[in-house]
Amino acid sequence: MSVEAAGVPSPGGRPLPGQEWRGAASLRFFVAVLRNRPAFALGYGIVAAVVVLTILAPLISPYDPIRADPEAYLLPPSLAHPFGTDNTGMDILTRVIYAPRIDLVIAIAGTLVSALIGAPLGAAVGYYEGRGPIGRSLSVAVMRIADVLQAFPVFVFAICLVAVFGQSISSIVAAIAFVNVPIYLRLMRSQVLSIRNMRYVEAAYIAGASDAAILARHVIPNALAPALAQLSINIGWSVLLTAGLSFVGAGVVAPTPEWGSMIASGFQSVMTGQWWPSVFPGIALGLTVFGFGLIGASVEALADPVQRRALVARSRGG
């Protein structure tokens, strides 16, 4: 058997020709999917644009995001201030560009923490459920706790957590993680319940593999697809939750640029005709959440075998 056939990396760490072909084929398939499903491409484009603007904010933003200018009080959109200014004289375009640095960091951190806690816990609960009185009791206890957590309105629950732990970025991250853990717990549990009786899992058990090894090598990797799809959706939802907390005064403290607090500070001005302090941050927030939702839909479609076969057929036909 040749080195290439055995899957051994080539000397010098360079990728093998077959590996290069598989990577290129995967990229071509992904591009073909985006070409056949423009909505998916739109989602990736929106999120990519938001991320690029976030990274380049110090280079492209025309003003300081937290510097107030009393002489520029509530100026309408113009060449000097394309999105206008708010009721403190701060440039809205600059603050809209800087806001994802807070919103995305909080949303991504909170979502990842919740997935890292909920997914392994759900996998363990599903794997041991019904296996002896101890496993059955632990499974019932964990699921009842998840039921209690999900019984509370999410937004009210998040406000209570921030009130308990204090108004800070770390508290908001903790609140987002806490309210999202049951989602990943239930997703992974339901997937593992159907996977744990597969023949390859039983073969690994008969071969003497430990439960930890079976979970890590066979069960969790094959149960991750729905959780990965939920990850993108939850990031968008967490951005919205972060903005909602700031809107009611329980989130990021002013004058830190954040979409929710910007919408809240400009809300009263809408009644007197100054619509721009709230409208532009609201548009940015809505587009970002929409983009992450489309990415979640694309991941779900690519992970589902039926939808993936249909996408493959479309890409070949295109």
Protein backbone atom coordinates (compact mmCIF):
# COMPACT_ATOMS: atom_id res chain seq x y z
CA MET A 1 0.00 0.00 0.00
CA SER A 2 1.38 3.39 -0.94
CA VAL A 3 1.87 6.25 1.48
CA GLU A 4 -0.89 8.21 -0.25
CA ALA A 5 -3.33 5.32 -0.06
CA ALA A 6 -2.58 4.82 3.60
CA GLY A 7 -3.51 8.40 4.29
CA VAL A 8 -0.06 9.26 5.71
CA PRO A 9 0.93 12.92 5.27
CA SER A 10 3.57 13.54 2.66
CA PRO A 11 7.11 14.56 3.67
CA GLY A 12 7.47 18.17 4.70
CA GLY A 13 3.89 18.37 5.95
CA ARG A 14 2.54 19.22 2.49
CA PRO A 15 -1.01 18.05 1.72
CA LEU A 16 -1.30 15.02 -0.48
CA PRO A 17 -2.75 15.36 -3.99
CA GLY A 18 -5.83 13.38 -2.97
CA GLN A 19 -6.34 15.59 0.04
CA GLU A 20 -6.05 18.69 -2.11
CA TRP A 21 -8.66 17.28 -4.48
CA ARG A 22 -11.08 16.52 -1.64
CA GLY A 23 -10.68 20.03 -0.25
CA ALA A 24 -11.20 21.55 -3.69
CA ALA A 25 -14.22 19.33 -4.30
CA SER A 26 -15.75 20.37 -0.99
CA LEU A 27 -15.16 24.03 -1.80
CA ARG A 28 -16.70 23.63 -5.27
CA PHE A 29 -19.71 21.90 -3.76
CA PHE A 30 -20.14 24.68 -1.20
CA VAL A 31 -19.91 27.36 -3.90
CA ALA A 32 -22.42 25.44 -6.03
CA VAL A 33 -24.81 25.24 -3.07
CA LEU A 34 -24.54 29.00 -2.53
CA ARG A 35 -25.14 29.55 -6.23
CA ASN A 36 -28.27 27.38 -6.18
CA ARG A 37 -29.52 28.76 -2.86
CA PRO A 38 -29.02 32.55 -2.98
CA ALA A 39 -30.56 32.93 0.48
CA PHE A 40 -27.68 30.98 1.98
CA ALA A 41 -25.17 33.16 0.14
CA LEU A 42 -26.98 36.25 1.43
CA GLY A 43 -26.66 35.02 5.01
CA TYR A 44 -22.93 34.36 4.71
CA GLY A 45 -22.46 37.71 2.97
CA ILE A 46 -24.26 39.65 5.70
CA VAL A 47 -22.33 38.00 8.53
CA ALA A 48 -19.02 38.35 6.66
CA ALA A 49 -19.69 42.05 6.11
CA VAL A 50 -20.52 42.58 9.79
CA VAL A 51 -17.37 40.74 10.88
CA VAL A 52 -15.15 42.69 8.46
CA LEU A 53 -16.63 46.02 9.55
CA THR A 54 -16.13 45.00 13.17
CA ILE A 55 -12.47 44.16 12.63
CA LEU A 56 -11.76 47.29 10.58
CA ALA A 57 -13.84 49.64 12.73
CA PRO A 58 -10.87 51.72 13.99
CA LEU A 59 -9.68 52.21 10.40
CA ILE A 60 -12.95 53.07 8.66
CA SER A 61 -15.04 54.80 11.34
CA PRO A 62 -15.00 58.58 10.87
CA TYR A 63 -15.30 59.59 14.55
CA ASP A 64 -14.61 58.44 18.10
CA PRO A 65 -17.47 56.11 19.15
CA ILE A 66 -17.77 57.52 22.69
CA ARG A 67 -16.89 61.17 22.12
CA ALA A 68 -19.87 63.48 22.49
CA ASP A 69 -20.12 66.79 20.63
CA PRO A 70 -22.83 69.08 22.09
CA GLU A 71 -22.70 71.24 18.94
CA ALA A 72 -23.75 68.22 16.82
CA TYR A 73 -26.96 67.52 18.76
CA LEU A 74 -29.41 65.32 16.79
CA LEU A 75 -28.11 66.30 13.36
CA PRO A 76 -29.95 64.53 10.51
CA PRO A 77 -28.06 62.30 8.03
CA SER A 78 -25.62 64.30 5.94
CA LEU A 79 -22.26 63.97 4.20
CA ALA A 80 -20.45 64.75 7.45
CA HIS A 81 -22.62 62.32 9.43
CA PRO A 82 -24.14 59.74 7.02
CA PHE A 83 -26.36 58.24 9.77
CA GLY A 84 -26.78 61.50 11.67
CA THR A 85 -25.96 62.07 15.34
CA ASP A 86 -27.73 61.12 18.56
CA ASN A 87 -28.96 63.23 21.46
CA THR A 88 -25.43 63.52 22.87
CA GLY A 89 -23.82 64.52 19.58
CA MET A 90 -22.09 61.18 18.94
CA ASP A 91 -21.86 59.97 15.35
CA ILE A 92 -24.34 57.13 14.79
CA LEU A 93 -22.49 55.50 11.86
CA THR A 94 -19.36 55.17 13.97
CA ARG A 95 -21.27 53.65 16.87
CA VAL A 96 -23.18 51.27 14.58
CA ILE A 97 -19.86 50.01 13.18
CA TYR A 98 -18.33 49.59 16.64
CA ALA A 99 -21.39 47.98 18.25
CA PRO A 100 -20.77 44.42 16.94
CA ARG A 101 -17.50 44.38 18.87
CA ILE A 102 -19.63 44.13 22.00
CA ASP A 103 -22.74 42.37 20.69
CA LEU A 104 -20.96 39.63 18.72
CA VAL A 105 -18.38 38.93 21.41
CA ILE A 106 -21.09 38.56 24.05
CA ALA A 107 -23.35 36.47 21.80
CA ILE A 108 -20.60 34.14 20.54
CA ALA A 109 -19.05 33.69 23.98
CA GLY A 110 -22.39 32.98 25.66
CA THR A 111 -23.49 30.58 22.93
CA LEU A 112 -20.21 28.65 22.91
CA VAL A 113 -20.24 28.30 26.70
CA SER A 114 -23.81 27.00 26.63
CA ALA A 115 -22.95 24.52 23.85
CA LEU A 116 -19.81 23.30 25.63
CA ILE A 117 -21.86 22.65 28.76
CA GLY A 118 -25.16 21.48 27.31
CA ALA A 119 -23.93 19.25 24.46
CA PRO A 120 -21.66 16.91 26.48
CA LEU A 121 -24.20 16.81 29.31
CA GLY A 122 -26.99 15.94 26.91
CA ALA A 123 -24.83 13.27 25.28
CA ALA A 124 -24.10 11.68 28.67
CA VAL A 125 -27.75 11.83 29.70
CA GLY A 126 -28.87 10.20 26.46
CA TYR A 127 -26.17 7.54 26.56
CA TYR A 128 -26.84 6.42 30.14
CA GLU A 129 -30.62 6.92 30.11
CA GLY A 130 -32.38 3.69 31.04
CA ARG A 131 -29.14 1.89 31.95
CA GLY A 132 -29.72 0.87 35.53
CA PRO A 133 -31.48 2.73 38.34
CA ILE A 134 -28.68 5.26 38.79
CA GLY A 135 -28.57 6.23 35.13
CA ARG A 136 -32.35 6.44 34.95
CA SER A 137 -32.54 8.60 38.11
CA LEU A 138 -29.82 10.98 36.93
CA SER A 139 -31.46 11.33 33.53
CA VAL A 140 -34.83 12.12 35.06
CA ALA A 141 -33.28 14.65 37.48
CA VAL A 142 -31.33 16.47 34.77
CA MET A 143 -34.30 16.64 32.40
CA ARG A 144 -36.62 17.93 35.13
CA ILE A 145 -34.11 20.68 35.93
CA ALA A 146 -34.03 21.57 32.24
CA ASP A 147 -37.84 21.68 32.23
CA VAL A 148 -37.82 24.10 35.17
CA LEU A 149 -35.26 26.37 33.49
CA GLN A 150 -37.22 26.44 30.23
CA ALA A 151 -40.49 27.12 32.05
CA PHE A 152 -39.39 30.69 32.80
CA PRO A 153 -39.69 33.38 30.11
CA VAL A 154 -36.18 33.61 28.69
CA PHE A 155 -35.93 37.39 28.66
CA VAL A 156 -37.24 37.79 32.21
CA PHE A 157 -34.95 35.00 33.37
CA ALA A 158 -31.95 36.73 31.76
CA ILE A 159 -32.84 40.03 33.45
CA CYS A 160 -33.02 38.26 36.83
CA LEU A 161 -29.61 36.66 36.30
CA VAL A 162 -28.03 40.00 35.37
CA ALA A 163 -29.65 41.59 38.42
CA VAL A 164 -28.20 38.87 40.65
CA PHE A 165 -24.67 38.81 39.21
CA GLY A 166 -24.36 42.51 38.42
CA GLN A 167 -24.54 44.58 35.26
CA SER A 168 -21.40 43.66 33.35
CA ILE A 169 -20.36 41.95 30.13
CA SER A 170 -19.41 38.75 31.98
CA SER A 171 -22.83 38.67 33.64
CA ILE A 172 -24.59 38.97 30.27
CA VAL A 173 -22.42 36.17 28.86
CA ALA A 174 -23.30 34.01 31.87
CA ALA A 175 -27.01 34.78 31.47
CA ILE A 176 -26.98 33.87 27.76
CA ALA A 177 -25.09 30.66 28.47
CA PHE A 178 -27.44 29.70 31.30
CA VAL A 179 -30.66 30.13 29.32
CA ASN A 180 -29.25 28.28 26.28
CA VAL A 181 -27.87 25.20 28.03
CA PRO A 182 -31.23 23.30 28.02
CA ILE A 183 -31.49 23.73 24.24
CA TYR A 184 -28.25 21.89 23.53
CA LEU A 185 -28.92 19.39 26.30
CA ARG A 186 -32.21 18.35 24.69
CA LEU A 187 -30.81 18.33 21.15
CA MET A 188 -27.89 16.09 22.02
CA ARG A 189 -29.97 13.81 24.22
CA SER A 190 -32.50 13.15 21.46
CA GLN A 191 -29.73 12.49 18.92
CA VAL A 192 -27.77 10.19 21.21
CA LEU A 193 -30.87 8.17 22.08
CA SER A 194 -31.14 7.20 18.41
CA ILE A 195 -27.40 6.72 17.87
CA ARG A 196 -26.44 4.67 20.92
CA ASN A 197 -28.12 1.53 19.54
CA MET A 198 -26.36 1.69 16.17
CA ARG A 199 -24.25 -1.30 15.20
CA TYR A 200 -20.94 0.57 15.20
CA VAL A 201 -21.59 1.74 18.80
CA GLU A 202 -22.42 -1.80 19.88
CA ALA A 203 -19.31 -3.08 18.07
CA ALA A 204 -17.12 -0.59 19.93
CA TYR A 205 -18.68 -1.67 23.23
CA ILE A 206 -18.12 -5.37 22.46
CA ALA A 207 -14.51 -4.60 21.48
CA GLY A 208 -13.94 -3.34 25.01
CA ALA A 209 -13.97 0.41 24.46
CA SER A 210 -14.83 2.45 27.54
CA ASP A 211 -17.99 4.55 27.73
CA ALA A 212 -15.91 7.74 27.58
CA ALA A 213 -14.14 6.55 24.43
CA ILE A 214 -17.41 5.51 22.78
CA LEU A 215 -18.98 8.89 23.56
CA ALA A 216 -15.95 10.85 22.36
CA ARG A 217 -15.17 8.85 19.21
CA HIS A 218 -18.48 7.48 17.99
CA VAL A 219 -21.54 9.04 19.62
CA ILE A 220 -20.88 12.76 20.01
CA PRO A 221 -19.29 13.35 16.54
CA ASN A 222 -22.29 11.71 14.84
CA ALA A 223 -24.81 13.64 16.94
CA LEU A 224 -23.38 17.12 16.46
CA ALA A 225 -25.14 18.18 13.23
CA PRO A 226 -28.33 19.61 14.81
CA ALA A 227 -26.29 21.30 17.53
CA LEU A 228 -24.05 22.95 14.93
CA ALA A 229 -27.08 24.22 13.05
CA GLN A 230 -28.54 25.52 16.30
CA LEU A 231 -25.25 27.23 17.12
CA SER A 232 -25.57 29.83 14.37
CA ILE A 233 -29.24 30.42 15.10
CA ASN A 234 -28.47 30.85 18.78
CA ILE A 235 -25.73 33.38 18.07
CA GLY A 236 -28.23 35.55 16.22
CA TRP A 237 -30.78 35.07 18.98
CA SER A 238 -28.13 35.95 21.58
CA VAL A 239 -27.30 39.17 19.73
CA LEU A 240 -30.99 40.01 19.94
CA LEU A 241 -31.12 39.11 23.64
CA THR A 242 -28.05 41.25 24.35
CA ALA A 243 -29.65 44.19 22.58
CA GLY A 244 -32.91 43.59 24.45
CA LEU A 245 -31.17 43.62 27.81
CA SER A 246 -29.42 46.86 26.93
CA PHE A 247 -32.69 48.33 25.66
CA VAL A 248 -34.32 47.93 29.09
CA GLY A 249 -31.20 49.13 30.92
CA ALA A 250 -29.98 45.74 32.12
CA GLY A 251 -27.24 45.23 29.57
CA VAL A 252 -24.12 47.05 28.44
CA VAL A 253 -23.55 50.30 30.30
CA ALA A 254 -23.52 53.56 28.29
CA PRO A 255 -21.70 55.13 26.54
CA THR A 256 -20.31 51.82 25.22
CA PRO A 257 -21.57 51.49 21.62
CA GLU A 258 -24.22 48.77 21.56
CA TRP A 259 -27.23 48.45 19.28
CA GLY A 260 -29.85 47.94 21.99
CA SER A 261 -28.77 50.90 24.09
CA MET A 262 -28.58 53.05 20.94
CA ILE A 263 -32.15 52.13 20.02
CA ALA A 264 -33.30 52.88 23.58
CA SER A 265 -31.55 56.25 23.76
CA GLY A 266 -33.02 57.37 20.44
CA PHE A 267 -36.51 55.95 21.02
CA GLN A 268 -37.94 59.14 22.53
CA SER A 269 -36.61 61.23 19.65
CA VAL A 270 -38.67 59.22 17.16
CA MET A 271 -41.83 60.80 18.54
CA THR A 272 -40.53 64.27 17.64
CA GLY A 273 -39.39 63.30 14.14
CA GLN A 274 -35.74 62.40 14.75
CA TRP A 275 -35.96 58.81 13.55
CA TRP A 276 -32.31 58.14 12.69
CA PRO A 277 -30.90 57.46 16.21
CA SER A 278 -33.06 54.33 16.51
CA VAL A 279 -33.70 53.26 12.93
CA PHE A 280 -30.11 52.72 11.76
CA PRO A 281 -29.04 50.62 14.79
CA GLY A 282 -32.30 48.68 14.45
CA ILE A 283 -31.60 47.93 10.79
CA ALA A 284 -28.07 46.75 11.62
CA LEU A 285 -29.39 44.54 14.42
CA GLY A 286 -32.14 43.04 12.25
CA LEU A 287 -29.79 42.30 9.34
CA THR A 288 -27.26 40.61 11.61
CA VAL A 289 -29.85 38.36 13.25
CA PHE A 290 -31.31 37.58 9.82
CA GLY A 291 -27.87 36.66 8.48
CA PHE A 292 -27.13 34.24 11.31
CA GLY A 293 -30.57 32.68 10.84
CA LEU A 294 -29.82 32.00 7.16
CA ILE A 295 -26.46 30.46 8.05
CA GLY A 296 -28.19 28.20 10.55
CA ALA A 297 -30.62 27.11 7.85
CA SER A 298 -27.73 26.34 5.49
CA VAL A 299 -25.91 24.25 8.10
CA GLU A 300 -29.11 22.34 8.82
CA ALA A 301 -29.62 21.67 5.11
CA LEU A 302 -26.03 20.51 4.59
CA ALA A 303 -26.18 18.27 7.66
CA ASP A 304 -29.47 16.60 6.72
CA PRO A 305 -28.81 13.66 4.34
CA VAL A 306 -32.04 14.15 2.35
CA GLN A 307 -31.51 17.87 1.81
CA ARG A 308 -27.81 17.32 1.11
CA ARG A 309 -28.59 14.82 -1.65
CA ALA A 310 -31.02 17.31 -3.18
CA LEU A 311 -28.36 20.04 -3.03
CA VAL A 312 -25.82 17.70 -4.62
CA ALA A 313 -28.25 16.95 -7.45
CA ARG A 314 -28.92 20.65 -7.98
CA SER A 315 -25.25 21.53 -7.94
CA ARG A 316 -24.47 18.84 -10.54
CA GLY A 317 -27.41 19.91 -12.63
CA GLY A 318 -26.24 23.56 -12.44
